[in-house]
Structures are given as C-alpha cells and as structure tokens.
Amino acid sequence: MRHQRQLKIDLKQFSCIQCHACCRQPGYVRLKKAEPDAIANFLQMDVRRFINSFTLLTDDRTSLSLMEQDGGACVFLTEHGCRIQPVKPEQCRDFPRKWRFSGFKKICGWARAQAGKDL
C-alpha cells in the first residue's frame, strides 16, 4: 500500500503570495448581494452591464457567479493578477481559511512553501 505524505500547515498563518493558482481552478465564485454593485463601481460601469458581461446564474438559481475563462480561470485573472483585487468577492478573500477545495495544498504556492516541498 502506498502512503501519501500529508502536508501539515497552519491556516491561521496563511498569507497569500499572489501565485493565483486558486484563481485558475474551475468552479463557482458566488457573489454576495452587494458585491455586483461594488465590482461594477470599481470597474466604472453600470451594474446591469457588469452582470450581463461578467456573471452567470448558478445552476441552483440562487446566486450569481463570476464567469470563467476557457480552462476555468476566473474572468478577472490577468497576466498581472486579479483585475478586481481591491473589491474581490468574499469567497476569494476567505480562501483557504474559511473554505478550500480538495487538493488545494498541492497547488497553492503558500501551502507548498509551508510544506517545504515543490510537489
């Protein structure tokens, strides 16, 4: 039987290093009620235009989610980082302290550095 080594890290110490690996993972980035207005304001655009251009209704029809680029990356991820960094959604700000996807430790630059491994 092959054993995988568990990466032990303390998420209380998390400090994003802006590797943007989490931003490249496909999946919903659900927006809270006030977030479309905040992002639209930051982008200097009408909120309706923002919603039509950058969001989709989730399959459960309970919220809006940011669209993805081909390959699953966030629509606001650029070669220079997050285009909406100052107003990024709570879901993004809370990662990985309040939520995380399976295997995040293998892609997150901070987690990999904490583990002292280049997986």
N, C-alpha and C. Protein backbone atom coordinates (compact mmCIF):
# COMPACT_ATOMS: atom_id res chain seq x y z
N MET A 1 0.83 -1.18 0.00
CA MET A 1 0.00 0.00 0.00
C MET A 1 0.89 1.26 0.00
N ARG A 2 0.56 2.15 -0.86
CA ARG A 2 1.34 3.37 -0.98
C ARG A 2 0.74 4.46 -0.09
N HIS A 3 1.57 5.11 0.69
CA HIS A 3 1.09 6.17 1.59
C HIS A 3 1.45 7.53 1.00
N GLN A 4 0.47 8.42 0.99
CA GLN A 4 0.75 9.78 0.56
C GLN A 4 1.09 10.60 1.79
N ARG A 5 2.09 11.41 1.65
CA ARG A 5 2.50 12.27 2.73
C ARG A 5 1.52 13.43 2.87
N GLN A 6 0.98 13.62 4.05
CA GLN A 6 0.06 14.72 4.31
C GLN A 6 0.86 16.00 4.55
N LEU A 7 0.44 17.06 3.89
CA LEU A 7 1.08 18.34 4.10
C LEU A 7 0.44 18.99 5.31
N LYS A 8 1.23 19.22 6.34
CA LYS A 8 0.72 19.84 7.58
C LYS A 8 1.02 21.32 7.53
N ILE A 9 -0.03 22.10 7.51
CA ILE A 9 0.14 23.56 7.51
C ILE A 9 -0.86 24.18 8.46
N ASP A 10 -0.52 25.35 8.97
CA ASP A 10 -1.38 26.08 9.90
C ASP A 10 -2.05 27.22 9.13
N LEU A 11 -3.33 27.06 8.80
CA LEU A 11 -4.03 28.07 8.01
C LEU A 11 -4.19 29.40 8.74
N LYS A 12 -4.01 29.41 10.05
CA LYS A 12 -4.07 30.67 10.79
C LYS A 12 -2.92 31.58 10.36
N GLN A 13 -1.87 30.98 9.85
CA GLN A 13 -0.70 31.72 9.41
C GLN A 13 -0.75 32.10 7.93
N PHE A 14 -1.84 31.75 7.24
CA PHE A 14 -1.92 31.96 5.80
C PHE A 14 -1.70 33.42 5.43
N SER A 15 -0.87 33.61 4.42
CA SER A 15 -0.61 34.91 3.84
C SER A 15 -0.45 34.72 2.34
N CYS A 16 -1.41 35.20 1.58
CA CYS A 16 -1.42 34.99 0.14
C CYS A 16 -0.13 35.54 -0.49
N ILE A 17 0.47 34.74 -1.36
CA ILE A 17 1.69 35.17 -2.06
C ILE A 17 1.38 35.55 -3.52
N GLN A 18 0.10 35.62 -3.83
CA GLN A 18 -0.35 36.05 -5.16
C GLN A 18 0.15 35.14 -6.28
N CYS A 19 0.14 33.84 -6.03
CA CYS A 19 0.52 32.89 -7.08
C CYS A 19 -0.63 32.67 -8.06
N HIS A 20 -1.84 32.98 -7.62
CA HIS A 20 -3.06 32.91 -8.43
C HIS A 20 -3.47 31.50 -8.83
N ALA A 21 -2.91 30.49 -8.19
CA ALA A 21 -3.29 29.12 -8.50
C ALA A 21 -4.76 28.88 -8.19
N CYS A 22 -5.25 29.44 -7.10
CA CYS A 22 -6.67 29.26 -6.73
C CYS A 22 -7.58 29.93 -7.76
N CYS A 23 -7.12 30.99 -8.38
CA CYS A 23 -7.91 31.73 -9.37
C CYS A 23 -8.03 30.97 -10.69
N ARG A 24 -7.21 29.96 -10.85
CA ARG A 24 -7.22 29.17 -12.08
C ARG A 24 -8.08 27.91 -11.97
N GLN A 25 -8.64 27.67 -10.78
CA GLN A 25 -9.45 26.48 -10.57
C GLN A 25 -10.89 26.72 -11.02
N PRO A 26 -11.43 25.81 -11.82
CA PRO A 26 -12.81 25.99 -12.25
C PRO A 26 -13.79 25.83 -11.09
N GLY A 27 -14.91 26.49 -11.20
CA GLY A 27 -15.95 26.40 -10.18
C GLY A 27 -16.57 27.76 -9.93
N TYR A 28 -17.70 27.74 -9.26
CA TYR A 28 -18.41 28.98 -8.98
C TYR A 28 -17.63 29.89 -8.04
N VAL A 29 -17.69 31.18 -8.34
CA VAL A 29 -17.31 32.23 -7.40
C VAL A 29 -18.60 32.99 -7.18
N ARG A 30 -19.33 32.57 -6.15
CA ARG A 30 -20.65 33.14 -5.86
C ARG A 30 -20.52 34.54 -5.27
N LEU A 31 -21.35 35.42 -5.78
CA LEU A 31 -21.33 36.81 -5.32
C LEU A 31 -22.38 37.05 -4.25
N LYS A 32 -21.98 37.75 -3.21
CA LYS A 32 -22.92 38.19 -2.17
C LYS A 32 -23.75 39.35 -2.73
N LYS A 33 -24.81 39.68 -2.03
CA LYS A 33 -25.79 40.66 -2.53
C LYS A 33 -25.17 41.99 -2.98
N ALA A 34 -24.27 42.55 -2.21
CA ALA A 34 -23.71 43.87 -2.53
C ALA A 34 -22.50 43.82 -3.47
N GLU A 35 -21.98 42.64 -3.72
CA GLU A 35 -20.73 42.55 -4.50
C GLU A 35 -20.87 42.96 -5.96
N PRO A 36 -21.95 42.65 -6.67
CA PRO A 36 -22.04 43.15 -8.05
C PRO A 36 -21.95 44.67 -8.13
N ASP A 37 -22.60 45.36 -7.21
CA ASP A 37 -22.53 46.83 -7.20
C ASP A 37 -21.11 47.32 -6.93
N ALA A 38 -20.44 46.71 -5.97
CA ALA A 38 -19.08 47.13 -5.62
C ALA A 38 -18.11 46.89 -6.78
N ILE A 39 -18.22 45.74 -7.42
CA ILE A 39 -17.32 45.43 -8.53
C ILE A 39 -17.62 46.34 -9.72
N ALA A 40 -18.90 46.51 -10.03
CA ALA A 40 -19.28 47.39 -11.15
C ALA A 40 -18.78 48.81 -10.90
N ASN A 41 -18.93 49.30 -9.68
CA ASN A 41 -18.44 50.63 -9.34
C ASN A 41 -16.93 50.72 -9.53
N PHE A 42 -16.21 49.70 -9.07
CA PHE A 42 -14.76 49.67 -9.22
C PHE A 42 -14.36 49.70 -10.71
N LEU A 43 -15.12 48.97 -11.53
CA LEU A 43 -14.85 48.91 -12.97
C LEU A 43 -15.44 50.11 -13.73
N GLN A 44 -16.09 50.99 -12.99
CA GLN A 44 -16.71 52.19 -13.55
C GLN A 44 -17.70 51.83 -14.66
N MET A 45 -18.61 50.91 -14.31
CA MET A 45 -19.62 50.51 -15.27
C MET A 45 -20.96 50.33 -14.56
N ASP A 46 -22.02 50.37 -15.33
CA ASP A 46 -23.35 50.14 -14.81
C ASP A 46 -23.45 48.71 -14.30
N VAL A 47 -24.14 48.50 -13.17
CA VAL A 47 -24.22 47.18 -12.57
C VAL A 47 -24.92 46.18 -13.50
N ARG A 48 -25.91 46.63 -14.25
CA ARG A 48 -26.57 45.71 -15.19
C ARG A 48 -25.61 45.24 -16.28
N ARG A 49 -24.81 46.17 -16.76
CA ARG A 49 -23.81 45.81 -17.78
C ARG A 49 -22.79 44.83 -17.20
N PHE A 50 -22.36 45.08 -15.95
CA PHE A 50 -21.44 44.16 -15.29
C PHE A 50 -22.06 42.77 -15.19
N ILE A 51 -23.29 42.69 -14.70
CA ILE A 51 -23.96 41.39 -14.53
C ILE A 51 -24.06 40.67 -15.86
N ASN A 52 -24.47 41.37 -16.90
CA ASN A 52 -24.62 40.74 -18.22
C ASN A 52 -23.29 40.33 -18.83
N SER A 53 -22.24 41.06 -18.54
CA SER A 53 -20.94 40.80 -19.16
C SER A 53 -20.06 39.82 -18.40
N PHE A 54 -20.19 39.77 -17.07
CA PHE A 54 -19.22 39.03 -16.27
C PHE A 54 -19.78 37.98 -15.31
N THR A 55 -21.09 37.80 -15.29
CA THR A 55 -21.66 36.82 -14.36
C THR A 55 -22.60 35.86 -15.07
N LEU A 56 -22.92 34.80 -14.36
CA LEU A 56 -23.93 33.84 -14.81
C LEU A 56 -24.75 33.42 -13.61
N LEU A 57 -25.95 32.94 -13.89
CA LEU A 57 -26.81 32.43 -12.83
C LEU A 57 -26.38 31.01 -12.52
N THR A 58 -26.20 30.70 -11.24
CA THR A 58 -25.76 29.35 -10.87
C THR A 58 -26.86 28.34 -11.21
N ASP A 59 -26.45 27.08 -11.34
CA ASP A 59 -27.41 26.03 -11.71
C ASP A 59 -28.57 25.92 -10.73
N ASP A 60 -28.31 26.20 -9.46
CA ASP A 60 -29.39 26.12 -8.47
C ASP A 60 -30.25 27.39 -8.44
N ARG A 61 -29.91 28.35 -9.29
CA ARG A 61 -30.63 29.60 -9.47
C ARG A 61 -30.77 30.42 -8.19
N THR A 62 -29.77 30.31 -7.31
CA THR A 62 -29.83 31.05 -6.04
C THR A 62 -28.86 32.22 -6.00
N SER A 63 -27.93 32.28 -6.95
CA SER A 63 -26.95 33.37 -6.89
C SER A 63 -26.29 33.59 -8.24
N LEU A 64 -25.57 34.68 -8.31
CA LEU A 64 -24.73 34.97 -9.46
C LEU A 64 -23.32 34.49 -9.17
N SER A 65 -22.63 34.06 -10.20
CA SER A 65 -21.24 33.65 -10.10
C SER A 65 -20.44 34.37 -11.16
N LEU A 66 -19.18 34.65 -10.86
CA LEU A 66 -18.31 35.21 -11.90
C LEU A 66 -18.13 34.18 -13.00
N MET A 67 -18.05 34.65 -14.22
CA MET A 67 -17.79 33.75 -15.35
C MET A 67 -16.35 33.27 -15.29
N GLU A 68 -16.06 32.25 -16.09
CA GLU A 68 -14.71 31.71 -16.20
C GLU A 68 -14.16 31.94 -17.59
N GLN A 69 -12.85 32.01 -17.67
CA GLN A 69 -12.17 31.99 -18.97
C GLN A 69 -12.13 30.55 -19.46
N ASP A 70 -11.78 30.35 -20.72
CA ASP A 70 -11.55 28.99 -21.19
C ASP A 70 -10.50 28.36 -20.29
N GLY A 71 -10.72 27.14 -19.88
CA GLY A 71 -9.79 26.47 -18.99
C GLY A 71 -10.16 26.59 -17.52
N GLY A 72 -11.13 27.43 -17.18
CA GLY A 72 -11.61 27.50 -15.81
C GLY A 72 -11.12 28.65 -14.97
N ALA A 73 -10.16 29.43 -15.45
CA ALA A 73 -9.65 30.56 -14.66
C ALA A 73 -10.72 31.64 -14.52
N CYS A 74 -10.64 32.39 -13.46
CA CYS A 74 -11.57 33.49 -13.22
C CYS A 74 -11.49 34.50 -14.37
N VAL A 75 -12.63 35.04 -14.73
CA VAL A 75 -12.70 36.02 -15.80
C VAL A 75 -11.86 37.26 -15.50
N PHE A 76 -11.59 37.53 -14.23
CA PHE A 76 -10.82 38.71 -13.86
C PHE A 76 -9.33 38.44 -13.61
N LEU A 77 -8.89 37.22 -13.87
CA LEU A 77 -7.47 36.92 -13.72
C LEU A 77 -6.73 37.34 -14.98
N THR A 78 -5.74 38.20 -14.82
CA THR A 78 -4.93 38.66 -15.95
C THR A 78 -3.49 38.21 -15.72
N GLU A 79 -2.64 38.50 -16.67
CA GLU A 79 -1.22 38.16 -16.50
C GLU A 79 -0.58 38.94 -15.36
N HIS A 80 -1.23 40.01 -14.92
CA HIS A 80 -0.73 40.83 -13.81
C HIS A 80 -1.43 40.54 -12.48
N GLY A 81 -2.35 39.59 -12.48
CA GLY A 81 -3.07 39.24 -11.26
C GLY A 81 -4.54 39.55 -11.36
N CYS A 82 -5.16 39.74 -10.22
CA CYS A 82 -6.61 39.97 -10.15
C CYS A 82 -6.95 41.40 -10.55
N ARG A 83 -7.75 41.52 -11.57
CA ARG A 83 -8.15 42.83 -12.07
C ARG A 83 -9.03 43.58 -11.06
N ILE A 84 -9.70 42.85 -10.18
CA ILE A 84 -10.60 43.48 -9.20
C ILE A 84 -10.11 43.26 -7.76
N GLN A 85 -8.82 43.10 -7.58
CA GLN A 85 -8.23 42.79 -6.27
C GLN A 85 -8.80 43.63 -5.11
N PRO A 86 -8.91 44.95 -5.22
CA PRO A 86 -9.41 45.73 -4.08
C PRO A 86 -10.87 45.43 -3.70
N VAL A 87 -11.64 44.87 -4.62
CA VAL A 87 -13.06 44.57 -4.36
C VAL A 87 -13.39 43.12 -4.66
N LYS A 88 -12.40 42.26 -4.61
CA LYS A 88 -12.66 40.86 -4.96
C LYS A 88 -13.71 40.27 -4.01
N PRO A 89 -14.48 39.29 -4.50
CA PRO A 89 -15.56 38.72 -3.70
C PRO A 89 -15.09 38.10 -2.39
N GLU A 90 -16.01 38.06 -1.43
CA GLU A 90 -15.72 37.47 -0.13
C GLU A 90 -15.23 36.03 -0.28
N GLN A 91 -15.81 35.29 -1.19
CA GLN A 91 -15.39 33.90 -1.39
C GLN A 91 -13.89 33.84 -1.70
N CYS A 92 -13.40 34.77 -2.48
CA CYS A 92 -11.97 34.82 -2.80
C CYS A 92 -11.15 35.24 -1.58
N ARG A 93 -11.62 36.24 -0.87
CA ARG A 93 -10.90 36.72 0.32
C ARG A 93 -10.82 35.65 1.40
N ASP A 94 -11.84 34.81 1.50
CA ASP A 94 -11.90 33.79 2.55
C ASP A 94 -11.08 32.54 2.27
N PHE A 95 -10.61 32.39 1.05
CA PHE A 95 -9.84 31.20 0.69
C PHE A 95 -8.42 31.32 1.23
N PRO A 96 -7.84 30.32 1.82
CA PRO A 96 -8.36 29.00 2.17
C PRO A 96 -8.78 28.89 3.64
N ARG A 97 -8.85 30.02 4.33
CA ARG A 97 -9.16 29.97 5.77
C ARG A 97 -10.56 29.42 6.05
N LYS A 98 -11.57 29.91 5.34
CA LYS A 98 -12.95 29.52 5.63
C LYS A 98 -13.47 28.43 4.70
N TRP A 99 -12.84 28.25 3.56
CA TRP A 99 -13.22 27.17 2.65
C TRP A 99 -12.02 26.84 1.77
N ARG A 100 -11.99 25.65 1.22
CA ARG A 100 -10.93 25.24 0.30
C ARG A 100 -11.40 24.02 -0.46
N PHE A 101 -10.81 23.81 -1.62
CA PHE A 101 -11.16 22.65 -2.42
C PHE A 101 -10.16 21.54 -2.14
N SER A 102 -10.58 20.34 -2.44
CA SER A 102 -9.73 19.17 -2.23
C SER A 102 -8.44 19.33 -3.03
N GLY A 103 -7.34 19.09 -2.40
CA GLY A 103 -6.04 19.17 -3.08
C GLY A 103 -5.45 20.56 -3.19
N PHE A 104 -6.04 21.55 -2.52
CA PHE A 104 -5.51 22.90 -2.65
C PHE A 104 -4.05 22.99 -2.21
N LYS A 105 -3.66 22.16 -1.25
CA LYS A 105 -2.29 22.21 -0.73
C LYS A 105 -1.25 21.88 -1.80
N LYS A 106 -1.68 21.16 -2.83
CA LYS A 106 -0.75 20.77 -3.89
C LYS A 106 -0.55 21.87 -4.92
N ILE A 107 -1.48 22.84 -4.99
CA ILE A 107 -1.34 23.89 -5.99
C ILE A 107 -1.05 25.27 -5.41
N CYS A 108 -1.46 25.50 -4.17
CA CYS A 108 -1.28 26.81 -3.54
C CYS A 108 0.21 27.05 -3.26
N GLY A 109 0.73 28.13 -3.81
CA GLY A 109 2.15 28.45 -3.62
C GLY A 109 2.53 28.62 -2.16
N TRP A 110 1.67 29.26 -1.37
CA TRP A 110 1.95 29.44 0.05
C TRP A 110 1.99 28.10 0.76
N ALA A 111 0.99 27.25 0.51
CA ALA A 111 0.92 25.94 1.18
C ALA A 111 2.13 25.09 0.80
N ARG A 112 2.52 25.14 -0.46
CA ARG A 112 3.69 24.37 -0.89
C ARG A 112 4.95 24.86 -0.21
N ALA A 113 5.08 26.16 -0.07
CA ALA A 113 6.24 26.72 0.61
C ALA A 113 6.26 26.33 2.08
N GLN A 114 5.09 26.32 2.72
CA GLN A 114 5.00 25.93 4.12
C GLN A 114 5.40 24.46 4.31
N ALA A 115 5.05 23.65 3.36
CA ALA A 115 5.38 22.23 3.44
C ALA A 115 6.84 21.97 3.10
N GLY A 116 7.50 22.99 2.54
CA GLY A 116 8.90 22.84 2.20
C GLY A 116 9.12 21.91 1.02
N LYS A 117 8.10 21.78 0.18
CA LYS A 117 8.17 20.86 -0.95
C LYS A 117 7.79 21.58 -2.22
N ASP A 118 8.30 21.11 -3.28
CA ASP A 118 7.86 21.52 -4.61
C ASP A 118 7.17 20.28 -5.19
N LEU A 119 5.86 20.17 -4.95
CA LEU A 119 5.13 18.99 -5.40
C LEU A 119 4.88 19.01 -6.88
